[in-house]
Every structure is written in structure tokens, then in C-alpha cells.
PDB file of N, CA and C in Angstrom:
ATOM      1  N   UNK A   1       0.850  -1.179   0.000  1.00  0.00           N
ATOM      2  CA  UNK A   1       0.000   0.000   0.000  1.00  0.00           C
ATOM      3  C   UNK A   1       0.892   1.238   0.000  1.00  0.00           C
ATOM      4  N   UNK A   2       0.569   2.169  -0.880  1.00  0.00           N
ATOM      5  CA  UNK A   2       1.322   3.409  -0.981  1.00  0.00           C
ATOM      6  C   UNK A   2       0.698   4.452  -0.069  1.00  0.00           C
ATOM      7  N   UNK A   3       1.526   5.079   0.732  1.00  0.00           N
ATOM      8  CA  UNK A   3       1.062   6.144   1.605  1.00  0.00           C
ATOM      9  C   UNK A   3       2.110   7.246   1.651  1.00  0.00           C
ATOM     10  N   UNK A   4       1.654   8.488   1.509  1.00  0.00           N
ATOM     11  CA  UNK A   4       2.513   9.656   1.591  1.00  0.00           C
ATOM     12  C   UNK A   4       1.985  10.563   2.692  1.00  0.00           C
ATOM     13  N   UNK A   5       2.865  11.003   3.575  1.00  0.00           N
ATOM     14  CA  UNK A   5       2.468  11.833   4.700  1.00  0.00           C
ATOM     15  C   UNK A   5       3.360  13.065   4.750  1.00  0.00           C
ATOM     16  N   UNK A   6       2.740  14.241   4.587  1.00  0.00           N
ATOM     17  CA  UNK A   6       3.474  15.504   4.617  1.00  0.00           C
ATOM     18  C   UNK A   6       3.519  16.080   6.025  1.00  0.00           C
ATOM     19  N   UNK A   7       4.530  16.905   6.260  1.00  0.00           N
ATOM     20  CA  UNK A   7       4.629  17.658   7.493  1.00  0.00           C
ATOM     21  C   UNK A   7       5.508  18.874   7.250  1.00  0.00           C
ATOM     22  N   UNK A   8       5.497  19.805   8.195  1.00  0.00           N
ATOM     23  CA  UNK A   8       6.386  20.949   8.142  1.00  0.00           C
ATOM     24  C   UNK A   8       5.735  22.267   7.793  1.00  0.00           C
ATOM     25  N   UNK A   9       4.461  22.256   7.475  1.00  0.00           N
ATOM     26  CA  UNK A   9       3.776  23.495   7.168  1.00  0.00           C
ATOM     27  C   UNK A   9       3.579  24.348   8.404  1.00  0.00           C
ATOM     28  N   UNK A  10       3.202  25.600   8.172  1.00  0.00           N
ATOM     29  CA  UNK A  10       2.967  26.510   9.269  1.00  0.00           C
ATOM     30  C   UNK A  10       2.874  27.938   8.804  1.00  0.00           C
ATOM     31  N   UNK A  11       2.924  28.844   9.761  1.00  0.00           N
ATOM     32  CA  UNK A  11       2.855  30.280   9.505  1.00  0.00           C
ATOM     33  C   UNK A  11       4.259  30.860   9.513  1.00  0.00           C
ATOM     34  N   UNK A  12       4.575  31.633   8.490  1.00  0.00           N
ATOM     35  CA  UNK A  12       5.890  32.243   8.380  1.00  0.00           C
ATOM     36  C   UNK A  12       5.743  33.642   7.803  1.00  0.00           C
ATOM     37  N   UNK A  13       6.632  34.548   8.198  1.00  0.00           N
ATOM     38  CA  UNK A  13       6.609  35.908   7.680  1.00  0.00           C
ATOM     39  C   UNK A  13       7.211  35.968   6.280  1.00  0.00           C
ATOM     40  N   UNK A  14       6.812  36.950   5.484  1.00  0.00           N
ATOM     41  CA  UNK A  14       7.435  37.123   4.170  1.00  0.00           C
ATOM     42  C   UNK A  14       8.957  37.206   4.286  1.00  0.00           C
ATOM     43  N   UNK A  15       9.634  36.526   3.377  1.00  0.00           N
ATOM     44  CA  UNK A  15      11.086  36.456   3.402  1.00  0.00           C
ATOM     45  C   UNK A  15      11.633  35.321   4.228  1.00  0.00           C
ATOM     46  N   UNK A  16      10.772  34.637   4.947  1.00  0.00           N
ATOM     47  CA  UNK A  16      11.195  33.541   5.793  1.00  0.00           C
ATOM     48  C   UNK A  16      11.407  32.248   5.037  1.00  0.00           C
ATOM     49  N   UNK A  17      11.771  31.215   5.784  1.00  0.00           N
ATOM     50  CA  UNK A  17      12.067  29.906   5.216  1.00  0.00           C
ATOM     51  C   UNK A  17      11.267  28.822   5.926  1.00  0.00           C
ATOM     52  N   UNK A  18      11.058  27.735   5.213  1.00  0.00           N
ATOM     53  CA  UNK A  18      10.320  26.608   5.745  1.00  0.00           C
ATOM     54  C   UNK A  18      10.741  25.365   4.973  1.00  0.00           C
ATOM     55  N   UNK A  19      10.793  24.224   5.658  1.00  0.00           N
ATOM     56  CA  UNK A  19      11.092  22.965   4.991  1.00  0.00           C
ATOM     57  C   UNK A  19       9.943  21.990   5.181  1.00  0.00           C
ATOM     58  N   UNK A  20       9.414  21.507   4.074  1.00  0.00           N
ATOM     59  CA  UNK A  20       8.375  20.499   4.093  1.00  0.00           C
ATOM     60  C   UNK A  20       8.992  19.119   3.908  1.00  0.00           C
ATOM     61  N   UNK A  21       8.396  18.131   4.560  1.00  0.00           N
ATOM     62  CA  UNK A  21       8.855  16.758   4.452  1.00  0.00           C
ATOM     63  C   UNK A  21       7.703  15.860   4.033  1.00  0.00           C
ATOM     64  N   UNK A  22       8.030  14.805   3.317  1.00  0.00           N
ATOM     65  CA  UNK A  22       7.049  13.817   2.900  1.00  0.00           C
ATOM     66  C   UNK A  22       7.665  12.440   3.065  1.00  0.00           C
ATOM     67  N   UNK A  23       7.121  11.666   3.984  1.00  0.00           N
ATOM     68  CA  UNK A  23       7.606  10.316   4.247  1.00  0.00           C
ATOM     69  C   UNK A  23       6.727   9.322   3.509  1.00  0.00           C
ATOM     70  N   UNK A  24       7.358   8.438   2.765  1.00  0.00           N
ATOM     71  CA  UNK A  24       6.638   7.460   1.963  1.00  0.00           C
ATOM     72  C   UNK A  24       6.704   6.071   2.586  1.00  0.00           C
ATOM     73  N   UNK A  25       5.623   5.332   2.428  1.00  0.00           N
ATOM     74  CA  UNK A  25       5.611   3.914   2.724  1.00  0.00           C
ATOM     75  C   UNK A  25       4.997   3.186   1.537  1.00  0.00           C
ATOM     76  N   UNK A  26       5.441   1.985   1.297  1.00  0.00           N
ATOM     77  CA  UNK A  26       4.932   1.211   0.182  1.00  0.00           C
ATOM     78  C   UNK A  26       5.660   1.435  -1.128  1.00  0.00           C
ATOM     79  N   UNK A  27       6.455   2.463  -1.213  1.00  0.00           N
ATOM     80  CA  UNK A  27       7.275   2.744  -2.385  1.00  0.00           C
ATOM     81  C   UNK A  27       8.622   3.279  -1.932  1.00  0.00           C
ATOM     82  N   UNK A  28       9.569   3.263  -2.842  1.00  0.00           N
ATOM     83  CA  UNK A  28      10.836   3.936  -2.651  1.00  0.00           C
ATOM     84  C   UNK A  28      10.860   5.161  -3.544  1.00  0.00           C
ATOM     85  N   UNK A  29      11.058   6.324  -2.953  1.00  0.00           N
ATOM     86  CA  UNK A  29      11.113   7.548  -3.740  1.00  0.00           C
ATOM     87  C   UNK A  29      12.193   7.494  -4.808  1.00  0.00           C
ATOM     88  N   UNK A  30      13.267   6.789  -4.532  1.00  0.00           N
ATOM     89  CA  UNK A  30      14.363   6.705  -5.482  1.00  0.00           C
ATOM     90  C   UNK A  30      13.975   6.015  -6.781  1.00  0.00           C
ATOM     91  N   UNK A  31      12.896   5.251  -6.772  1.00  0.00           N
ATOM     92  CA  UNK A  31      12.489   4.469  -7.927  1.00  0.00           C
ATOM     93  C   UNK A  31      11.404   5.139  -8.769  1.00  0.00           C
ATOM     94  N   UNK A  32      10.887   6.265  -8.317  1.00  0.00           N
ATOM     95  CA  UNK A  32       9.763   6.901  -8.986  1.00  0.00           C
ATOM     96  C   UNK A  32       9.925   8.410  -9.037  1.00  0.00           C
ATOM     97  N   UNK A  33       9.278   8.993 -10.043  1.00  0.00           N
ATOM     98  CA  UNK A  33       9.158  10.448 -10.077  1.00  0.00           C
ATOM     99  C   UNK A  33       8.300  10.894  -8.899  1.00  0.00           C
ATOM    100  N   UNK A  34       8.725  11.942  -8.234  1.00  0.00           N
ATOM    101  CA  UNK A  34       7.987  12.462  -7.095  1.00  0.00           C
ATOM    102  C   UNK A  34       8.184  13.966  -7.010  1.00  0.00           C
ATOM    103  N   UNK A  35       7.238  14.632  -6.355  1.00  0.00           N
ATOM    104  CA  UNK A  35       7.368  16.072  -6.256  1.00  0.00           C
ATOM    105  C   UNK A  35       6.309  16.696  -5.389  1.00  0.00           C
ATOM    106  N   UNK A  36       6.161  17.998  -5.577  1.00  0.00           N
ATOM    107  CA  UNK A  36       5.265  18.797  -4.770  1.00  0.00           C
ATOM    108  C   UNK A  36       4.331  19.623  -5.639  1.00  0.00           C
ATOM    109  N   UNK A  37       3.079  19.676  -5.224  1.00  0.00           N
ATOM    110  CA  UNK A  37       2.075  20.546  -5.805  1.00  0.00           C
ATOM    111  C   UNK A  37       1.515  21.441  -4.711  1.00  0.00           C
ATOM    112  N   UNK A  38       0.801  22.481  -5.125  1.00  0.00           N
ATOM    113  CA  UNK A  38       0.127  23.321  -4.151  1.00  0.00           C
ATOM    114  C   UNK A  38      -1.196  23.810  -4.714  1.00  0.00           C
ATOM    115  N   UNK A  39      -2.084  24.153  -3.802  1.00  0.00           N
ATOM    116  CA  UNK A  39      -3.383  24.681  -4.188  1.00  0.00           C
ATOM    117  C   UNK A  39      -3.745  25.831  -3.262  1.00  0.00           C
ATOM    118  N   UNK A  40      -3.850  27.019  -3.835  1.00  0.00           N
ATOM    119  CA  UNK A  40      -4.241  28.205  -3.096  1.00  0.00           C
ATOM    120  C   UNK A  40      -5.756  28.350  -3.133  1.00  0.00           C
ATOM    121  N   UNK A  41      -6.318  29.104  -2.191  1.00  0.00           N
ATOM    122  CA  UNK A  41      -7.774  29.298  -2.190  1.00  0.00           C
ATOM    123  C   UNK A  41      -8.283  29.852  -3.516  1.00  0.00           C
ATOM    124  N   UNK A  42      -9.292  29.208  -4.059  1.00  0.00           N
ATOM    125  CA  UNK A  42      -9.881  29.644  -5.309  1.00  0.00           C
ATOM    126  C   UNK A  42      -9.062  29.356  -6.545  1.00  0.00           C
ATOM    127  N   UNK A  43      -7.975  28.618  -6.409  1.00  0.00           N
ATOM    128  CA  UNK A  43      -7.086  28.332  -7.529  1.00  0.00           C
ATOM    129  C   UNK A  43      -7.018  26.836  -7.808  1.00  0.00           C
ATOM    130  N   UNK A  44      -6.567  26.503  -9.005  1.00  0.00           N
ATOM    131  CA  UNK A  44      -6.327  25.111  -9.362  1.00  0.00           C
ATOM    132  C   UNK A  44      -5.014  24.633  -8.755  1.00  0.00           C
ATOM    133  N   UNK A  45      -4.934  23.342  -8.531  1.00  0.00           N
ATOM    134  CA  UNK A  45      -3.691  22.764  -8.058  1.00  0.00           C
ATOM    135  C   UNK A  45      -2.616  22.916  -9.133  1.00  0.00           C
ATOM    136  N   UNK A  46      -1.424  23.316  -8.724  1.00  0.00           N
ATOM    137  CA  UNK A  46      -0.344  23.554  -9.658  1.00  0.00           C
ATOM    138  C   UNK A  46       0.927  22.846  -9.217  1.00  0.00           C
ATOM    139  N   UNK A  47       1.727  22.488 -10.197  1.00  0.00           N
ATOM    140  CA  UNK A  47       3.020  21.880  -9.924  1.00  0.00           C
ATOM    141  C   UNK A  47       3.970  22.915  -9.339  1.00  0.00           C
ATOM    142  N   UNK A  48       4.655  22.539  -8.281  1.00  0.00           N
ATOM    143  CA  UNK A  48       5.675  23.377  -7.672  1.00  0.00           C
ATOM    144  C   UNK A  48       7.069  22.903  -8.057  1.00  0.00           C
ATOM    145  N   UNK A  49       7.333  21.630  -7.835  1.00  0.00           N
ATOM    146  CA  UNK A  49       8.651  21.069  -8.095  1.00  0.00           C
ATOM    147  C   UNK A  49       8.533  19.569  -8.265  1.00  0.00           C
ATOM    148  N   UNK A  50       9.372  18.999  -9.128  1.00  0.00           N
ATOM    149  CA  UNK A  50       9.369  17.563  -9.333  1.00  0.00           C
ATOM    150  C   UNK A  50      10.797  17.061  -9.463  1.00  0.00           C
ATOM    151  N   UNK A  51      11.021  15.864  -8.951  1.00  0.00           N
ATOM    152  CA  UNK A  51      12.337  15.248  -8.935  1.00  0.00           C
ATOM    153  C   UNK A  51      12.257  13.914  -9.654  1.00  0.00           C
ATOM    154  N   UNK A  52      13.135  13.703 -10.624  1.00  0.00           N
ATOM    155  CA  UNK A  52      13.143  12.459 -11.376  1.00  0.00           C
ATOM    156  C   UNK A  52      13.947  11.394 -10.660  1.00  0.00           C
ATOM    157  N   UNK A  53      13.838  10.160 -11.158  1.00  0.00           N
ATOM    158  CA  UNK A  53      14.627   9.072 -10.581  1.00  0.00           C
ATOM    159  C   UNK A  53      16.120   9.294 -10.757  1.00  0.00           C
ATOM    160  N   UNK A  54      16.487  10.046 -11.787  1.00  0.00           N
ATOM    161  CA  UNK A  54      17.882  10.354 -12.028  1.00  0.00           C
ATOM    162  C   UNK A  54      18.405  11.536 -11.244  1.00  0.00           C
ATOM    163  N   UNK A  55      17.528  12.201 -10.493  1.00  0.00           N
ATOM    164  CA  UNK A  55      17.951  13.298  -9.652  1.00  0.00           C
ATOM    165  C   UNK A  55      17.789  14.676 -10.259  1.00  0.00           C
ATOM    166  N   UNK A  56      17.286  14.759 -11.479  1.00  0.00           N
ATOM    167  CA  UNK A  56      17.052  16.068 -12.069  1.00  0.00           C
ATOM    168  C   UNK A  56      15.750  16.653 -11.549  1.00  0.00           C
ATOM    169  N   UNK A  57      15.713  17.959 -11.430  1.00  0.00           N
ATOM    170  CA  UNK A  57      14.556  18.644 -10.881  1.00  0.00           C
ATOM    171  C   UNK A  57      14.083  19.737 -11.822  1.00  0.00           C
ATOM    172  N   UNK A  58      12.796  20.003 -11.796  1.00  0.00           N
ATOM    173  CA  UNK A  58      12.283  21.191 -12.436  1.00  0.00           C
ATOM    174  C   UNK A  58      11.278  21.870 -11.522  1.00  0.00           C
ATOM    175  N   UNK A  59      11.063  23.162 -11.788  1.00  0.00           N
ATOM    176  CA  UNK A  59      10.291  23.996 -10.888  1.00  0.00           C
ATOM    177  C   UNK A  59       9.359  24.904 -11.659  1.00  0.00           C
ATOM    178  N   UNK A  60       8.281  25.272 -11.003  1.00  0.00           N
ATOM    179  CA  UNK A  60       7.451  26.336 -11.535  1.00  0.00           C
ATOM    180  C   UNK A  60       8.256  27.629 -11.577  1.00  0.00           C
ATOM    181  N   UNK A  61       8.009  28.438 -12.607  1.00  0.00           N
ATOM    182  CA  UNK A  61       8.740  29.696 -12.725  1.00  0.00           C
ATOM    183  C   UNK A  61       8.577  30.576 -11.487  1.00  0.00           C
ATOM    184  N   UNK A  62       7.433  30.487 -10.854  1.00  0.00           N
ATOM    185  CA  UNK A  62       7.148  31.341  -9.713  1.00  0.00           C
ATOM    186  C   UNK A  62       8.003  31.023  -8.488  1.00  0.00           C
ATOM    187  N   UNK A  63       8.573  29.826  -8.428  1.00  0.00           N
ATOM    188  CA  UNK A  63       9.366  29.435  -7.264  1.00  0.00           C
ATOM    189  C   UNK A  63      10.827  29.186  -7.597  1.00  0.00           C
ATOM    190  N   UNK A  64      11.175  29.219  -8.862  1.00  0.00           N
ATOM    191  CA  UNK A  64      12.543  28.928  -9.283  1.00  0.00           C
ATOM    192  C   UNK A  64      13.525  29.890  -8.619  1.00  0.00           C
ATOM    193  N   UNK A  65      14.581  29.329  -8.064  1.00  0.00           N
ATOM    194  CA  UNK A  65      15.575  30.116  -7.366  1.00  0.00           C
ATOM    195  C   UNK A  65      15.303  30.292  -5.892  1.00  0.00           C
ATOM    196  N   UNK A  66      14.102  29.959  -5.460  1.00  0.00           N
ATOM    197  CA  UNK A  66      13.731  30.085  -4.056  1.00  0.00           C
ATOM    198  C   UNK A  66      13.468  28.743  -3.386  1.00  0.00           C
ATOM    199  N   UNK A  67      12.972  27.778  -4.156  1.00  0.00           N
ATOM    200  CA  UNK A  67      12.622  26.462  -3.616  1.00  0.00           C
ATOM    201  C   UNK A  67      13.598  25.419  -4.139  1.00  0.00           C
ATOM    202  N   UNK A  68      13.853  24.402  -3.320  1.00  0.00           N
ATOM    203  CA  UNK A  68      14.690  23.282  -3.715  1.00  0.00           C
ATOM    204  C   UNK A  68      14.029  21.975  -3.303  1.00  0.00           C
ATOM    205  N   UNK A  69      13.867  21.063  -4.255  1.00  0.00           N
ATOM    206  CA  UNK A  69      13.327  19.745  -3.963  1.00  0.00           C
ATOM    207  C   UNK A  69      14.481  18.750  -3.872  1.00  0.00           C
ATOM    208  N   UNK A  70      14.405  17.849  -2.914  1.00  0.00           N
ATOM    209  CA  UNK A  70      15.446  16.853  -2.724  1.00  0.00           C
ATOM    210  C   UNK A  70      14.849  15.623  -2.063  1.00  0.00           C
ATOM    211  N   UNK A  71      15.636  14.574  -1.978  1.00  0.00           N
ATOM    212  CA  UNK A  71      15.190  13.372  -1.269  1.00  0.00           C
ATOM    213  C   UNK A  71      16.350  12.763  -0.508  1.00  0.00           C
ATOM    214  N   UNK A  72      16.007  12.094   0.572  1.00  0.00           N
ATOM    215  CA  UNK A  72      16.948  11.325   1.362  1.00  0.00           C
ATOM    216  C   UNK A  72      16.541   9.872   1.209  1.00  0.00           C
ATOM    217  N   UNK A  73      17.289   9.129   0.422  1.00  0.00           N
ATOM    218  CA  UNK A  73      16.904   7.754   0.128  1.00  0.00           C
ATOM    219  C   UNK A  73      16.948   6.860   1.369  1.00  0.00           C
ATOM    220  N   UNK A  74      17.894   7.112   2.262  1.00  0.00           N
ATOM    221  CA  UNK A  74      17.996   6.304   3.473  1.00  0.00           C
ATOM    222  C   UNK A  74      16.766   6.461   4.351  1.00  0.00           C
ATOM    223  N   UNK A  75      16.188   7.655   4.347  1.00  0.00           N
ATOM    224  CA  UNK A  75      14.990   7.921   5.140  1.00  0.00           C
ATOM    225  C   UNK A  75      13.706   7.795   4.335  1.00  0.00           C
ATOM    226  N   UNK A  76      13.839   7.536   3.028  1.00  0.00           N
ATOM    227  CA  UNK A  76      12.692   7.443   2.129  1.00  0.00           C
ATOM    228  C   UNK A  76      11.784   8.660   2.275  1.00  0.00           C
ATOM    229  N   UNK A  77      12.402   9.822   2.244  1.00  0.00           N
ATOM    230  CA  UNK A  77      11.715  11.075   2.502  1.00  0.00           C
ATOM    231  C   UNK A  77      12.023  12.087   1.411  1.00  0.00           C
ATOM    232  N   UNK A  78      10.991  12.763   0.967  1.00  0.00           N
ATOM    233  CA  UNK A  78      11.098  13.847   0.002  1.00  0.00           C
ATOM    234  C   UNK A  78      10.988  15.172   0.747  1.00  0.00           C
ATOM    235  N   UNK A  79      11.753  16.162   0.310  1.00  0.00           N
ATOM    236  CA  UNK A  79      11.769  17.459   0.965  1.00  0.00           C
ATOM    237  C   UNK A  79      11.489  18.580  -0.023  1.00  0.00           C
ATOM    238  N   UNK A  80      10.954  19.653   0.502  1.00  0.00           N
ATOM    239  CA  UNK A  80      10.866  20.901  -0.234  1.00  0.00           C
ATOM    240  C   UNK A  80      11.374  22.004   0.677  1.00  0.00           C
ATOM    241  N   UNK A  81      12.551  22.526   0.371  1.00  0.00           N
ATOM    242  CA  UNK A  81      13.123  23.634   1.115  1.00  0.00           C
ATOM    243  C   UNK A  81      12.675  24.930   0.459  1.00  0.00           C
ATOM    244  N   UNK A  82      12.018  25.769   1.214  1.00  0.00           N
ATOM    245  CA  UNK A  82      11.467  27.013   0.710  1.00  0.00           C
ATOM    246  C   UNK A  82      12.136  28.184   1.412  1.00  0.00           C
ATOM    247  N   UNK A  83      12.582  29.150   0.638  1.00  0.00           N
ATOM    248  CA  UNK A  83      13.167  30.358   1.184  1.00  0.00           C
ATOM    249  C   UNK A  83      12.629  31.559   0.426  1.00  0.00           C
ATOM    250  N   UNK A  84      12.854  32.729   0.988  1.00  0.00           N
ATOM    251  CA  UNK A  84      12.326  33.935   0.362  1.00  0.00           C
ATOM    252  C   UNK A  84      10.827  33.867   0.135  1.00  0.00           C
ATOM    253  N   UNK A  85      10.118  33.356   1.118  1.00  0.00           N
ATOM    254  CA  UNK A  85       8.686  33.120   0.948  1.00  0.00           C
ATOM    255  C   UNK A  85       7.908  34.416   0.762  1.00  0.00           C
ATOM    256  N   UNK A  86       6.892  34.324  -0.080  1.00  0.00           N
ATOM    257  CA  UNK A  86       6.041  35.448  -0.420  1.00  0.00           C
ATOM    258  C   UNK A  86       4.598  35.130  -0.047  1.00  0.00           C
ATOM    259  N   UNK A  87       3.780  36.149   0.184  1.00  0.00           N
ATOM    260  CA  UNK A  87       2.369  35.885   0.483  1.00  0.00           C
ATOM    261  C   UNK A  87       1.680  35.023  -0.565  1.00  0.00           C
ATOM    262  N   UNK A  88       2.056  35.167  -1.825  1.00  0.00           N
ATOM    263  CA  UNK A  88       1.440  34.371  -2.872  1.00  0.00           C
ATOM    264  C   UNK A  88       1.842  32.899  -2.837  1.00  0.00           C
ATOM    265  N   UNK A  89       2.787  32.537  -1.979  1.00  0.00           N
ATOM    266  CA  UNK A  89       3.120  31.134  -1.769  1.00  0.00           C
ATOM    267  C   UNK A  89       2.136  30.442  -0.834  1.00  0.00           C
ATOM    268  N   UNK A  90       1.253  31.202  -0.222  1.00  0.00           N
ATOM    269  CA  UNK A  90       0.275  30.637   0.688  1.00  0.00           C
ATOM    270  C   UNK A  90      -0.609  29.632  -0.043  1.00  0.00           C
ATOM    271  N   UNK A  91      -0.657  28.413   0.475  1.00  0.00           N
ATOM    272  CA  UNK A  91      -1.405  27.339  -0.168  1.00  0.00           C
ATOM    273  C   UNK A  91      -1.308  26.089   0.689  1.00  0.00           C
ATOM    274  N   UNK A  92      -2.105  25.104   0.331  1.00  0.00           N
ATOM    275  CA  UNK A  92      -1.910  23.761   0.845  1.00  0.00           C
ATOM    276  C   UNK A  92      -0.946  23.048  -0.091  1.00  0.00           C
ATOM    277  N   UNK A  93       0.102  22.493   0.467  1.00  0.00           N
ATOM    278  CA  UNK A  93       1.130  21.818  -0.313  1.00  0.00           C
ATOM    279  C   UNK A  93       0.952  20.309  -0.212  1.00  0.00           C
ATOM    280  N   UNK A  94       1.035  19.645  -1.366  1.00  0.00           N
ATOM    281  CA  UNK A  94       0.788  18.213  -1.451  1.00  0.00           C
ATOM    282  C   UNK A  94       2.006  17.487  -2.003  1.00  0.00           C
ATOM    283  N   UNK A  95       2.391  16.447  -1.341  1.00  0.00           N
ATOM    284  CA  UNK A  95       3.396  15.526  -1.847  1.00  0.00           C
ATOM    285  C   UNK A  95       2.758  14.616  -2.895  1.00  0.00           C
ATOM    286  N   UNK A  96       3.537  14.243  -3.907  1.00  0.00           N
ATOM    287  CA  UNK A  96       3.005  13.447  -5.004  1.00  0.00           C
ATOM    288  C   UNK A  96       4.043  12.455  -5.510  1.00  0.00           C
ATOM    289  N   UNK A  97       3.563  11.284  -5.918  1.00  0.00           N
ATOM    290  CA  UNK A  97       4.421  10.313  -6.579  1.00  0.00           C
ATOM    291  C   UNK A  97       3.661   9.665  -7.723  1.00  0.00           C
ATOM    292  N   UNK A  98       4.375   9.374  -8.799  1.00  0.00           N
ATOM    293  CA  UNK A  98       3.813   8.681  -9.952  1.00  0.00           C
ATOM    294  C   UNK A  98       4.349   7.263  -9.942  1.00  0.00           C
ATOM    295  N   UNK A  99       3.458   6.300  -9.760  1.00  0.00           N
ATOM    296  CA  UNK A  99       3.835   4.908  -9.598  1.00  0.00           C
ATOM    297  C   UNK A  99       3.082   4.071 -10.623  1.00  0.00           C
ATOM    298  N   UNK A 100       3.796   3.612 -11.643  1.00  0.00           N
ATOM    299  CA  UNK A 100       3.222   2.784 -12.701  1.00  0.00           C
ATOM    300  C   UNK A 100       1.941   3.389 -13.262  1.00  0.00           C
ATOM    301  N   UNK A 101       2.014   4.661 -13.567  1.00  0.00           N
ATOM    302  CA  UNK A 101       0.903   5.355 -14.177  1.00  0.00           C
ATOM    303  C   UNK A 101      -0.170   5.832 -13.221  1.00  0.00           C
ATOM    304  N   UNK A 102      -0.010   5.558 -11.951  1.00  0.00           N
ATOM    305  CA  UNK A 102      -0.987   5.962 -10.946  1.00  0.00           C
ATOM    306  C   UNK A 102      -0.437   7.108 -10.103  1.00  0.00           C
ATOM    307  N   UNK A 103      -1.269   8.111  -9.892  1.00  0.00           N
ATOM    308  CA  UNK A 103      -0.894   9.252  -9.065  1.00  0.00           C
ATOM    309  C   UNK A 103      -1.272   9.012  -7.609  1.00  0.00           C
ATOM    310  N   UNK A 104      -0.311   9.227  -6.723  1.00  0.00           N
ATOM    311  CA  UNK A 104      -0.541   9.123  -5.291  1.00  0.00           C
ATOM    312  C   UNK A 104      -0.281  10.467  -4.637  1.00  0.00           C
ATOM    313  N   UNK A 105      -1.141  10.823  -3.694  1.00  0.00           N
ATOM    314  CA  UNK A 105      -1.097  12.126  -3.048  1.00  0.00           C
ATOM    315  C   UNK A 105      -1.079  12.008  -1.540  1.00  0.00           C
ATOM    316  N   UNK A 106      -0.347  12.916  -0.905  1.00  0.00           N
ATOM    317  CA  UNK A 106      -0.464  13.069   0.525  1.00  0.00           C
ATOM    318  C   UNK A 106      -1.706  13.861   0.883  1.00  0.00           C
ATOM    319  N   UNK A 107      -1.932  14.029   2.163  1.00  0.00           N
ATOM    320  CA  UNK A 107      -3.127  14.724   2.634  1.00  0.00           C
ATOM    321  C   UNK A 107      -2.988  16.239   2.612  1.00  0.00           C
ATOM    322  N   UNK A 108      -1.783  16.733   2.473  1.00  0.00           N
ATOM    323  CA  UNK A 108      -1.547  18.158   2.376  1.00  0.00           C
ATOM    324  C   UNK A 108      -1.117  18.777   3.688  1.00  0.00           C
ATOM    325  N   UNK A 109      -0.328  19.839   3.579  1.00  0.00           N
ATOM    326  CA  UNK A 109       0.087  20.616   4.739  1.00  0.00           C
ATOM    327  C   UNK A 109      -0.023  22.099   4.393  1.00  0.00           C
ATOM    328  N   UNK A 110      -0.597  22.868   5.295  1.00  0.00           N
ATOM    329  CA  UNK A 110      -0.871  24.282   5.049  1.00  0.00           C
ATOM    330  C   UNK A 110       0.375  25.121   5.260  1.00  0.00           C
ATOM    331  N   UNK A 111       0.672  25.966   4.284  1.00  0.00           N
ATOM    332  CA  UNK A 111       1.726  26.973   4.400  1.00  0.00           C
ATOM    333  C   UNK A 111       1.074  28.339   4.268  1.00  0.00           C
ATOM    334  N   UNK A 112       1.261  29.173   5.267  1.00  0.00           N
ATOM    335  CA  UNK A 112       0.708  30.520   5.255  1.00  0.00           C
ATOM    336  C   UNK A 112       1.835  31.523   5.420  1.00  0.00           C
ATOM    337  N   UNK A 113       1.953  32.440   4.470  1.00  0.00           N
ATOM    338  CA  UNK A 113       2.982  33.470   4.493  1.00  0.00           C
ATOM    339  C   UNK A 113       2.286  34.807   4.698  1.00  0.00           C
ATOM    340  N   UNK A 114       2.494  35.397   5.846  1.00  0.00           N
ATOM    341  CA  UNK A 114       1.785  36.618   6.193  1.00  0.00           C
ATOM    342  C   UNK A 114       2.565  37.394   7.243  1.00  0.00           C
ATOM    343  N   UNK A 115       2.481  38.711   7.153  1.00  0.00           N
ATOM    344  CA  UNK A 115       3.077  39.582   8.151  1.00  0.00           C
ATOM    345  C   UNK A 115       2.062  40.012   9.200  1.00  0.00           C
TER     346      UNK A 115
END
């Protein structure tokens, strides 16, 4: 059974930093494409960052240069390091993995950027 569990969300001031974590069970992140999406109020869910099995990453233009996606294979955990946070980054962030054509999602963690 595949299960993804996010953590690390919270309230942060503009310009601050936050690290999100996603622990997987039932799969190895190293064997599958995995990444992060977010959904702001009244908006569609959008891709934030994705990491390939080969270690290459791509990012939404809105977060490029500020966010970094990575994984720790020993801990089977995916991370999203966020810095220079802006109010428009406020959203629920979801961990995601693509496993044999099937999309798996975490339950989401709220990130709020506000002064």
C-alpha cells in the first residue's frame, strides 16, 4: 500500500524559510518520479517542483531560485526547502508520486505566508 504523509507546514513571515517533508511507505522515492504541488484558495492545483529518478529537478517559474526539492533515500523522505517566501506562496502543499501510471497524493500541509 502506498502512503505519503506531509509535514512541516505553518505560519511564516514574508522572506522567511520553511522545509516540508514527505515520508513514503509502500514505495521507494528513489524508484519513482515524485514532487510537490500546491493549491491556493480559489485556484487550481499547480506543480511546484518535481524530482526524477535520475535526480534532475524542475520547478514552476514562480518558485525557481527560491525552492529546492530533494530526497533522502535512506529515510525514504522527500523534501521541499522554501526560502524567500512570499504571500502568494500561501497554499496547501501536497506531496506526489507517480507509480506505474498511478498518481498518489499526501493529505496536504498548510503553508501561510503573512506579516
